[in-house]
């Protein structure tokens, strides 16, 4: 009986998450080391009422880059601003690109959310601009993690050689 109830709850969660509308509402790109890298593009483009495309282009000025660390955080908006919600995780991005199976959280985020829309399709070193183009969020991407209707922020901080170089904050709204 318990197994049947668990399967029903899982099915309902998956069904509900596919009917979610996810819209990017704001994008902030912060540069901490302009001689190292600069944002050539950091923009959102409205495609329809609940569909927005994210575009980022980062020019790397000191190539090749052989050491990259990424910190990802999910925040949920509360009455006093955004509060850390689910994840605050840091990964050696070069090690992740060599063997993604060792980092399941990052594999899910990267393979479903970023990689299909970017030119990050190889391991380190990076000796070219980093491009994320026409990234569009949809409810399907949130099947594995059931999110409630609310406002969220996804924050990625990128370090090279153990010093943070940039931060990207993506604000989104999830509506049923």
N, C-alpha and C. Protein backbone atom coordinates (compact mmCIF):
# COMPACT_ATOMS: atom_id res chain seq x y z
N UNK A 1 0.81 -1.20 0.00
CA UNK A 1 0.00 0.00 0.00
C UNK A 1 0.86 1.26 0.00
N UNK A 2 1.93 1.24 0.82
CA UNK A 2 2.81 2.41 0.90
C UNK A 2 3.48 2.69 -0.44
N UNK A 3 3.90 1.61 -1.14
CA UNK A 3 4.55 1.78 -2.44
C UNK A 3 3.59 2.41 -3.44
N UNK A 4 2.34 1.99 -3.44
CA UNK A 4 1.34 2.56 -4.34
C UNK A 4 1.11 4.04 -4.08
N UNK A 5 1.05 4.41 -2.81
CA UNK A 5 0.87 5.81 -2.45
C UNK A 5 2.07 6.64 -2.89
N UNK A 6 3.28 6.09 -2.68
CA UNK A 6 4.50 6.78 -3.09
C UNK A 6 4.52 6.98 -4.60
N UNK A 7 4.16 5.96 -5.35
CA UNK A 7 4.12 6.08 -6.81
C UNK A 7 3.08 7.11 -7.25
N UNK A 8 1.93 7.15 -6.60
CA UNK A 8 0.90 8.13 -6.94
C UNK A 8 1.37 9.54 -6.67
N UNK A 9 2.02 9.75 -5.52
CA UNK A 9 2.55 11.09 -5.18
C UNK A 9 3.62 11.50 -6.19
N UNK A 10 4.52 10.57 -6.55
CA UNK A 10 5.56 10.86 -7.53
C UNK A 10 4.93 11.22 -8.87
N UNK A 11 3.92 10.47 -9.31
CA UNK A 11 3.25 10.75 -10.57
C UNK A 11 2.60 12.13 -10.56
N UNK A 12 1.92 12.46 -9.46
CA UNK A 12 1.26 13.77 -9.35
C UNK A 12 2.30 14.88 -9.38
N UNK A 13 3.43 14.71 -8.67
CA UNK A 13 4.49 15.72 -8.67
C UNK A 13 5.02 15.94 -10.07
N UNK A 14 5.28 14.84 -10.79
CA UNK A 14 5.79 14.98 -12.16
C UNK A 14 4.75 15.64 -13.05
N UNK A 15 3.49 15.24 -12.93
CA UNK A 15 2.45 15.85 -13.74
C UNK A 15 2.31 17.33 -13.45
N UNK A 16 2.34 17.72 -12.17
CA UNK A 16 2.21 19.13 -11.80
C UNK A 16 3.39 19.94 -12.30
N UNK A 17 4.61 19.39 -12.23
CA UNK A 17 5.78 20.16 -12.62
C UNK A 17 5.83 20.41 -14.11
N UNK A 18 5.21 19.55 -14.93
CA UNK A 18 5.24 19.78 -16.36
C UNK A 18 4.27 20.89 -16.75
N UNK A 19 3.31 21.22 -15.88
CA UNK A 19 2.37 22.28 -16.20
C UNK A 19 2.84 23.64 -15.68
N UNK A 20 4.03 23.69 -15.12
CA UNK A 20 4.56 24.95 -14.63
C UNK A 20 4.97 25.87 -15.76
N UNK A 21 4.80 27.15 -15.55
CA UNK A 21 5.31 28.17 -16.46
C UNK A 21 6.52 28.80 -15.77
N UNK A 22 7.65 28.86 -16.44
CA UNK A 22 8.87 29.41 -15.87
C UNK A 22 9.30 30.57 -16.74
N UNK A 23 9.49 31.73 -16.12
CA UNK A 23 9.87 32.91 -16.88
C UNK A 23 11.06 33.60 -16.22
N UNK A 24 12.11 33.81 -17.01
CA UNK A 24 13.23 34.62 -16.54
C UNK A 24 12.78 36.07 -16.50
N UNK A 25 13.03 36.76 -15.39
CA UNK A 25 12.55 38.13 -15.24
C UNK A 25 13.66 39.16 -15.19
N UNK A 26 14.86 38.74 -14.81
CA UNK A 26 15.96 39.70 -14.67
C UNK A 26 17.27 38.94 -14.74
N UNK A 27 18.31 39.61 -15.26
CA UNK A 27 19.63 39.00 -15.38
C UNK A 27 20.67 40.03 -15.00
N UNK A 28 21.57 39.65 -14.11
CA UNK A 28 22.67 40.53 -13.71
C UNK A 28 23.99 39.79 -13.92
N UNK A 29 24.94 40.46 -14.56
CA UNK A 29 26.26 39.89 -14.77
C UNK A 29 27.28 40.83 -14.14
N UNK A 30 28.04 40.30 -13.21
CA UNK A 30 29.01 41.11 -12.47
C UNK A 30 30.42 40.65 -12.80
N UNK A 31 31.28 41.61 -13.12
CA UNK A 31 32.69 41.32 -13.42
C UNK A 31 33.53 41.71 -12.22
N UNK A 32 34.38 40.80 -11.75
CA UNK A 32 35.25 41.09 -10.61
C UNK A 32 36.69 41.32 -11.04
N UNK A 33 37.05 40.90 -12.26
CA UNK A 33 38.44 41.01 -12.73
C UNK A 33 38.41 41.29 -14.24
N UNK A 34 38.21 42.56 -14.59
CA UNK A 34 38.05 42.94 -16.00
C UNK A 34 39.26 42.61 -16.87
N UNK A 35 40.50 42.68 -16.35
CA UNK A 35 41.62 42.26 -17.21
C UNK A 35 41.57 40.76 -17.56
N UNK A 36 40.87 39.98 -16.75
CA UNK A 36 40.77 38.54 -17.00
C UNK A 36 39.63 38.22 -17.95
N UNK A 37 38.44 38.80 -17.71
CA UNK A 37 37.27 38.48 -18.53
C UNK A 37 36.25 39.61 -18.43
N UNK A 38 35.52 39.83 -19.53
CA UNK A 38 34.45 40.83 -19.54
C UNK A 38 33.22 40.25 -20.24
N UNK A 39 32.07 40.77 -19.84
CA UNK A 39 30.82 40.37 -20.49
C UNK A 39 30.61 41.23 -21.72
N UNK A 40 30.55 40.60 -22.89
CA UNK A 40 30.21 41.31 -24.13
C UNK A 40 28.70 41.41 -24.27
N UNK A 41 27.99 40.43 -23.71
CA UNK A 41 26.53 40.42 -23.77
C UNK A 41 26.01 39.78 -22.49
N UNK A 42 24.99 40.38 -21.93
CA UNK A 42 24.31 39.85 -20.75
C UNK A 42 22.88 40.37 -20.84
N UNK A 43 22.01 39.59 -21.48
CA UNK A 43 20.68 40.13 -21.77
C UNK A 43 19.61 39.06 -21.78
N UNK A 44 18.38 39.52 -21.60
CA UNK A 44 17.19 38.69 -21.75
C UNK A 44 16.40 39.24 -22.93
N UNK A 45 15.79 38.34 -23.67
CA UNK A 45 14.95 38.73 -24.79
C UNK A 45 13.58 38.09 -24.62
N UNK A 46 12.55 38.93 -24.50
CA UNK A 46 11.18 38.42 -24.34
C UNK A 46 10.71 37.83 -25.66
N UNK A 47 10.25 36.58 -25.61
CA UNK A 47 9.75 35.90 -26.81
C UNK A 47 8.23 35.80 -26.80
N UNK A 48 7.67 35.65 -25.60
CA UNK A 48 6.23 35.64 -25.41
C UNK A 48 5.97 35.93 -23.94
N UNK A 49 4.71 35.82 -23.54
CA UNK A 49 4.36 36.19 -22.17
C UNK A 49 5.14 35.40 -21.12
N UNK A 50 5.30 34.11 -21.33
CA UNK A 50 6.01 33.27 -20.36
C UNK A 50 7.27 32.65 -20.93
N UNK A 51 7.84 33.25 -21.93
CA UNK A 51 9.04 32.70 -22.53
C UNK A 51 10.05 33.80 -22.77
N UNK A 52 11.22 33.63 -22.14
CA UNK A 52 12.30 34.61 -22.25
C UNK A 52 13.59 33.87 -22.54
N UNK A 53 14.38 34.40 -23.47
CA UNK A 53 15.66 33.79 -23.83
C UNK A 53 16.80 34.53 -23.15
N UNK A 54 17.71 33.77 -22.55
CA UNK A 54 18.88 34.32 -21.89
C UNK A 54 20.07 34.22 -22.83
N UNK A 55 20.84 35.32 -22.91
CA UNK A 55 22.03 35.35 -23.76
C UNK A 55 23.19 35.94 -22.98
N UNK A 56 24.30 35.22 -22.95
CA UNK A 56 25.51 35.67 -22.27
C UNK A 56 26.70 35.36 -23.18
N UNK A 57 27.60 36.33 -23.26
CA UNK A 57 28.86 36.12 -23.97
C UNK A 57 29.97 36.73 -23.12
N UNK A 58 30.94 35.90 -22.77
CA UNK A 58 32.06 36.32 -21.93
C UNK A 58 33.33 36.24 -22.77
N UNK A 59 34.05 37.36 -22.84
CA UNK A 59 35.35 37.38 -23.52
C UNK A 59 36.43 37.08 -22.50
N UNK A 60 37.18 36.01 -22.76
CA UNK A 60 38.31 35.67 -21.89
C UNK A 60 39.55 36.36 -22.45
N UNK A 61 40.25 37.12 -21.61
CA UNK A 61 41.40 37.90 -22.06
C UNK A 61 42.73 37.25 -21.72
N UNK A 62 42.74 36.31 -20.78
CA UNK A 62 43.98 35.64 -20.38
C UNK A 62 43.81 34.13 -20.60
N UNK A 63 44.03 33.72 -21.84
CA UNK A 63 43.83 32.32 -22.21
C UNK A 63 45.18 31.64 -22.38
N UNK A 64 45.24 30.35 -22.24
CA UNK A 64 44.17 29.41 -21.92
C UNK A 64 43.85 29.40 -20.43
N UNK A 65 42.60 29.07 -20.11
CA UNK A 65 42.15 28.96 -18.73
C UNK A 65 42.10 27.46 -18.42
N UNK A 66 42.91 27.04 -17.47
CA UNK A 66 43.04 25.61 -17.15
C UNK A 66 42.48 25.24 -15.78
N UNK A 67 42.02 26.22 -15.02
CA UNK A 67 41.53 25.95 -13.67
C UNK A 67 40.27 26.78 -13.46
N UNK A 68 39.12 26.12 -13.37
CA UNK A 68 37.83 26.81 -13.21
C UNK A 68 37.04 26.14 -12.09
N UNK A 69 36.49 26.97 -11.21
CA UNK A 69 35.63 26.51 -10.14
C UNK A 69 34.31 27.26 -10.26
N UNK A 70 33.19 26.57 -10.08
CA UNK A 70 31.88 27.20 -10.16
C UNK A 70 31.11 26.92 -8.87
N UNK A 71 30.52 27.98 -8.33
CA UNK A 71 29.65 27.86 -7.16
C UNK A 71 28.23 28.18 -7.62
N UNK A 72 27.29 27.28 -7.36
CA UNK A 72 25.90 27.48 -7.72
C UNK A 72 25.03 27.56 -6.49
N UNK A 73 24.12 28.54 -6.47
CA UNK A 73 23.23 28.72 -5.34
C UNK A 73 21.82 28.98 -5.85
N UNK A 74 20.82 28.40 -5.16
CA UNK A 74 19.41 28.66 -5.47
C UNK A 74 18.82 29.43 -4.30
N UNK A 75 18.15 30.52 -4.60
CA UNK A 75 17.51 31.35 -3.59
C UNK A 75 16.02 31.42 -3.88
N UNK A 76 15.25 31.61 -2.81
CA UNK A 76 13.81 31.81 -2.93
C UNK A 76 13.48 33.14 -2.29
N UNK A 77 12.60 33.91 -2.94
CA UNK A 77 12.24 35.22 -2.42
C UNK A 77 11.32 35.09 -1.22
N UNK A 78 11.67 35.80 -0.16
CA UNK A 78 10.86 35.83 1.04
C UNK A 78 10.48 37.27 1.35
N UNK A 79 9.93 37.48 2.52
CA UNK A 79 9.50 38.82 2.90
C UNK A 79 10.68 39.77 3.11
N UNK A 80 11.85 39.22 3.41
CA UNK A 80 13.04 40.05 3.63
C UNK A 80 14.07 39.90 2.52
N UNK A 81 13.63 39.64 1.30
CA UNK A 81 14.56 39.47 0.19
C UNK A 81 14.79 38.00 -0.12
N UNK A 82 15.85 37.72 -0.86
CA UNK A 82 16.14 36.35 -1.27
C UNK A 82 16.93 35.63 -0.19
N UNK A 83 16.52 34.39 0.08
CA UNK A 83 17.19 33.54 1.08
C UNK A 83 17.62 32.25 0.40
N UNK A 84 18.77 31.74 0.84
CA UNK A 84 19.27 30.49 0.31
C UNK A 84 18.18 29.43 0.45
N UNK A 85 17.89 28.72 -0.65
CA UNK A 85 16.73 27.84 -0.67
C UNK A 85 17.12 26.37 -0.68
N UNK A 86 17.78 25.91 -1.66
CA UNK A 86 17.98 24.48 -1.76
C UNK A 86 19.45 24.09 -1.85
N UNK A 87 20.17 24.75 -2.69
CA UNK A 87 21.54 24.33 -2.96
C UNK A 87 22.52 25.48 -2.81
N UNK A 88 23.69 25.13 -2.31
CA UNK A 88 24.86 25.99 -2.32
C UNK A 88 26.00 25.01 -2.49
N UNK A 89 26.45 24.83 -3.73
CA UNK A 89 27.39 23.78 -4.04
C UNK A 89 28.49 24.32 -4.94
N UNK A 90 29.72 23.89 -4.67
CA UNK A 90 30.87 24.32 -5.46
C UNK A 90 31.51 23.10 -6.11
N UNK A 91 31.95 23.27 -7.35
CA UNK A 91 32.55 22.15 -8.08
C UNK A 91 33.80 22.63 -8.83
N UNK A 92 34.79 21.76 -8.88
CA UNK A 92 35.94 21.97 -9.76
C UNK A 92 35.41 21.68 -11.17
N UNK A 93 35.18 22.73 -11.93
CA UNK A 93 34.48 22.59 -13.21
C UNK A 93 35.29 21.78 -14.22
N UNK A 94 36.60 21.91 -14.19
CA UNK A 94 37.42 21.13 -15.12
C UNK A 94 37.33 19.63 -14.81
N UNK A 95 37.35 19.27 -13.51
CA UNK A 95 37.19 17.87 -13.12
C UNK A 95 35.80 17.37 -13.51
N UNK A 96 34.79 18.22 -13.33
CA UNK A 96 33.43 17.85 -13.71
C UNK A 96 33.34 17.57 -15.21
N UNK A 97 33.95 18.42 -16.02
CA UNK A 97 33.90 18.22 -17.47
C UNK A 97 34.63 16.94 -17.90
N UNK A 98 35.66 16.55 -17.14
CA UNK A 98 36.37 15.31 -17.44
C UNK A 98 35.54 14.08 -17.08
N UNK A 99 34.79 14.15 -15.97
CA UNK A 99 33.99 13.01 -15.52
C UNK A 99 32.74 13.51 -14.81
N UNK A 100 31.72 13.82 -15.57
CA UNK A 100 30.48 14.37 -15.02
C UNK A 100 29.71 13.42 -14.13
N UNK A 101 29.90 12.12 -14.28
CA UNK A 101 29.16 11.15 -13.49
C UNK A 101 29.49 11.23 -12.00
N UNK A 102 30.63 11.81 -11.66
CA UNK A 102 31.01 11.93 -10.25
C UNK A 102 30.27 13.07 -9.56
N UNK A 103 29.62 13.92 -10.32
CA UNK A 103 28.98 15.12 -9.78
C UNK A 103 27.54 15.17 -10.29
N UNK A 104 26.66 14.35 -9.73
CA UNK A 104 25.31 14.19 -10.28
C UNK A 104 24.50 15.49 -10.27
N UNK A 105 24.57 16.28 -9.21
CA UNK A 105 23.84 17.55 -9.16
C UNK A 105 24.25 18.43 -10.33
N UNK A 106 25.55 18.58 -10.53
CA UNK A 106 26.04 19.43 -11.61
C UNK A 106 25.75 18.82 -12.98
N UNK A 107 25.76 17.52 -13.07
CA UNK A 107 25.45 16.87 -14.35
C UNK A 107 24.02 17.19 -14.77
N UNK A 108 23.09 17.12 -13.81
CA UNK A 108 21.69 17.43 -14.12
C UNK A 108 21.55 18.89 -14.54
N UNK A 109 22.13 19.81 -13.75
CA UNK A 109 22.03 21.24 -14.04
C UNK A 109 22.69 21.57 -15.38
N UNK A 110 23.91 21.08 -15.57
CA UNK A 110 24.67 21.43 -16.77
C UNK A 110 24.07 20.80 -18.02
N UNK A 111 23.78 19.50 -17.98
CA UNK A 111 23.32 18.82 -19.19
C UNK A 111 21.91 19.25 -19.61
N UNK A 112 21.04 19.58 -18.65
CA UNK A 112 19.67 19.98 -18.97
C UNK A 112 19.51 21.48 -19.18
N UNK A 113 20.30 22.26 -18.45
CA UNK A 113 20.06 23.70 -18.42
C UNK A 113 21.03 24.50 -19.28
N UNK A 114 22.31 24.18 -19.23
CA UNK A 114 23.31 25.06 -19.85
C UNK A 114 23.89 24.49 -21.14
N UNK A 115 24.35 23.27 -21.11
CA UNK A 115 25.08 22.71 -22.25
C UNK A 115 24.34 22.78 -23.59
N UNK A 116 23.04 22.49 -23.64
CA UNK A 116 22.37 22.55 -24.95
C UNK A 116 22.37 23.93 -25.59
N UNK A 117 22.63 24.96 -24.81
CA UNK A 117 22.57 26.33 -25.31
C UNK A 117 23.93 27.02 -25.31
N UNK A 118 25.00 26.26 -25.06
CA UNK A 118 26.30 26.90 -24.93
C UNK A 118 27.36 26.23 -25.80
N UNK A 119 28.52 26.89 -25.84
CA UNK A 119 29.66 26.32 -26.55
C UNK A 119 30.63 25.64 -25.58
N UNK A 120 30.17 25.36 -24.37
CA UNK A 120 30.98 24.64 -23.39
C UNK A 120 30.76 23.16 -23.64
N UNK A 121 31.47 22.64 -24.63
CA UNK A 121 31.26 21.26 -25.04
C UNK A 121 32.57 20.45 -25.02
N UNK A 122 33.53 20.93 -24.24
CA UNK A 122 34.81 20.23 -24.13
C UNK A 122 35.41 20.48 -22.75
N UNK A 123 36.44 19.72 -22.42
CA UNK A 123 37.11 19.90 -21.14
C UNK A 123 38.06 21.09 -21.21
N UNK A 124 38.60 21.45 -20.06
CA UNK A 124 39.59 22.52 -19.98
C UNK A 124 40.81 22.11 -20.80
N UNK A 125 41.53 23.04 -21.37
CA UNK A 125 41.50 24.49 -21.18
C UNK A 125 40.48 25.18 -22.09
N UNK A 126 40.10 26.38 -21.66
CA UNK A 126 39.23 27.24 -22.46
C UNK A 126 40.10 28.34 -23.07
N UNK A 127 40.03 28.46 -24.38
CA UNK A 127 40.83 29.48 -25.06
C UNK A 127 39.97 30.29 -26.03
N UNK A 128 38.70 30.42 -25.71
CA UNK A 128 37.75 31.12 -26.57
C UNK A 128 36.68 31.79 -25.71
N UNK A 129 35.88 32.64 -26.31
CA UNK A 129 34.75 33.26 -25.60
C UNK A 129 33.79 32.17 -25.13
N UNK A 130 33.16 32.41 -23.99
CA UNK A 130 32.14 31.50 -23.48
C UNK A 130 30.79 32.08 -23.89
N UNK A 131 29.98 31.26 -24.55
CA UNK A 131 28.71 31.73 -25.10
C UNK A 131 27.56 30.85 -24.59
N UNK A 132 26.53 31.50 -24.08
CA UNK A 132 25.26 30.85 -23.77
C UNK A 132 24.23 31.64 -24.57
N UNK A 133 23.54 30.96 -25.48
CA UNK A 133 22.67 31.66 -26.42
C UNK A 133 21.28 31.03 -26.46
N UNK A 134 20.27 31.89 -26.31
CA UNK A 134 18.87 31.47 -26.41
C UNK A 134 18.49 30.37 -25.42
N UNK A 135 18.99 30.47 -24.20
CA UNK A 135 18.61 29.55 -23.14
C UNK A 135 17.19 29.91 -22.71
N UNK A 136 16.28 28.97 -22.84
CA UNK A 136 14.87 29.18 -22.49
C UNK A 136 14.49 28.14 -21.45
N UNK A 137 14.03 28.60 -20.30
CA UNK A 137 13.58 27.69 -19.25
C UNK A 137 12.14 27.28 -19.51
N UNK A 138 11.83 26.02 -19.20
CA UNK A 138 10.45 25.57 -19.26
C UNK A 138 10.18 24.63 -18.10
N UNK A 139 8.94 24.32 -17.86
CA UNK A 139 8.54 23.48 -16.74
C UNK A 139 9.14 22.10 -16.78
N UNK A 140 9.43 21.58 -17.96
CA UNK A 140 10.04 20.26 -18.13
C UNK A 140 11.37 20.18 -17.41
N UNK A 141 12.12 21.29 -17.41
CA UNK A 141 13.45 21.30 -16.78
C UNK A 141 13.36 21.15 -15.27
N UNK A 142 12.19 21.39 -14.70
CA UNK A 142 12.03 21.36 -13.26
C UNK A 142 11.30 20.09 -12.80
N UNK A 143 11.27 19.06 -13.63
CA UNK A 143 10.61 17.81 -13.29
C UNK A 143 11.27 17.11 -12.11
N UNK A 144 12.60 17.14 -12.06
CA UNK A 144 13.31 16.39 -11.03
C UNK A 144 13.24 17.05 -9.66
N UNK A 145 13.03 18.35 -9.63
CA UNK A 145 12.96 19.07 -8.36
C UNK A 145 11.63 19.83 -8.35
N UNK A 146 10.70 19.43 -7.49
CA UNK A 146 9.40 20.11 -7.47
C UNK A 146 9.50 21.50 -6.83
N UNK A 147 9.32 22.53 -7.62
CA UNK A 147 9.35 23.91 -7.14
C UNK A 147 7.93 24.41 -6.98
N UNK A 148 7.70 25.21 -5.95
CA UNK A 148 6.41 25.83 -5.74
C UNK A 148 6.33 27.12 -6.54
N UNK A 149 5.12 27.60 -6.75
CA UNK A 149 4.92 28.89 -7.40
C UNK A 149 5.54 29.96 -6.53
N UNK A 150 6.49 30.69 -7.07
CA UNK A 150 7.18 31.74 -6.31
C UNK A 150 8.24 32.39 -7.19
N UNK A 151 9.00 33.28 -6.59
CA UNK A 151 10.11 33.94 -7.26
C UNK A 151 11.41 33.36 -6.73
N UNK A 152 12.37 33.12 -7.65
CA UNK A 152 13.63 32.49 -7.31
C UNK A 152 14.78 33.25 -7.94
N UNK A 153 15.98 32.98 -7.43
CA UNK A 153 17.19 33.50 -8.04
C UNK A 153 18.19 32.34 -8.10
N UNK A 154 18.81 32.19 -9.26
CA UNK A 154 19.89 31.23 -9.42
C UNK A 154 21.17 32.04 -9.57
N UNK A 155 22.13 31.77 -8.73
CA UNK A 155 23.37 32.53 -8.71
C UNK A 155 24.54 31.61 -9.04
N UNK A 156 25.32 31.96 -10.05
CA UNK A 156 26.53 31.23 -10.40
C UNK A 156 27.72 32.16 -10.24
N UNK A 157 28.67 31.74 -9.40
CA UNK A 157 29.92 32.48 -9.26
C UNK A 157 31.01 31.63 -9.88
N UNK A 158 31.83 32.26 -10.72
CA UNK A 158 32.87 31.54 -11.45
C UNK A 158 34.23 32.04 -11.01
N UNK A 159 35.09 31.09 -10.65
CA UNK A 159 36.46 31.41 -10.24
C UNK A 159 37.43 30.76 -11.20
N UNK A 160 38.56 31.41 -11.40
CA UNK A 160 39.67 30.83 -12.14
C UNK A 160 40.90 31.00 -11.26
N UNK A 161 41.65 29.92 -11.13
CA UNK A 161 42.86 29.95 -10.31
C UNK A 161 42.56 30.41 -8.88
N UNK A 162 41.41 29.93 -8.35
CA UNK A 162 40.99 30.14 -6.96
C UNK A 162 40.63 31.59 -6.61
N UNK A 163 40.31 32.41 -7.61
CA UNK A 163 39.84 33.78 -7.38
C UNK A 163 38.58 33.99 -8.21
N UNK A 164 37.54 34.49 -7.54
CA UNK A 164 36.29 34.72 -8.26
C UNK A 164 36.47 35.82 -9.30
N UNK A 165 36.03 35.52 -10.51
CA UNK A 165 36.19 36.45 -11.64
C UNK A 165 34.86 37.06 -12.07
N UNK A 166 33.75 36.33 -11.87
CA UNK A 166 32.45 36.83 -12.35
C UNK A 166 31.32 36.15 -11.59
N UNK A 167 30.15 36.78 -11.68
CA UNK A 167 28.94 36.24 -11.07
C UNK A 167 27.76 36.53 -11.99
N UNK A 168 26.89 35.55 -12.14
CA UNK A 168 25.68 35.71 -12.96
C UNK A 168 24.48 35.38 -12.07
N UNK A 169 23.57 36.33 -11.97
CA UNK A 169 22.33 36.15 -11.19
C UNK A 169 21.16 36.14 -12.15
N UNK A 170 20.43 35.06 -12.14
CA UNK A 170 19.24 34.91 -12.98
C UNK A 170 18.02 34.88 -12.07
N UNK A 171 17.10 35.79 -12.29
CA UNK A 171 15.87 35.85 -11.50
C UNK A 171 14.76 35.22 -12.32
N UNK A 172 13.94 34.40 -11.68
CA UNK A 172 12.86 33.75 -12.42
C UNK A 172 11.61 33.64 -11.57
N UNK A 173 10.51 33.52 -12.25
CA UNK A 173 9.22 33.33 -11.61
C UNK A 173 8.64 32.02 -12.10
N UNK A 174 8.13 31.23 -11.15
CA UNK A 174 7.48 29.96 -11.49
C UNK A 174 6.00 30.11 -11.17
N UNK A 175 5.18 29.84 -12.18
CA UNK A 175 3.73 30.01 -12.06
C UNK A 175 3.06 28.71 -12.50
N UNK A 176 2.03 28.29 -11.77
CA UNK A 176 1.28 27.09 -12.18
C UNK A 176 0.25 27.45 -13.21
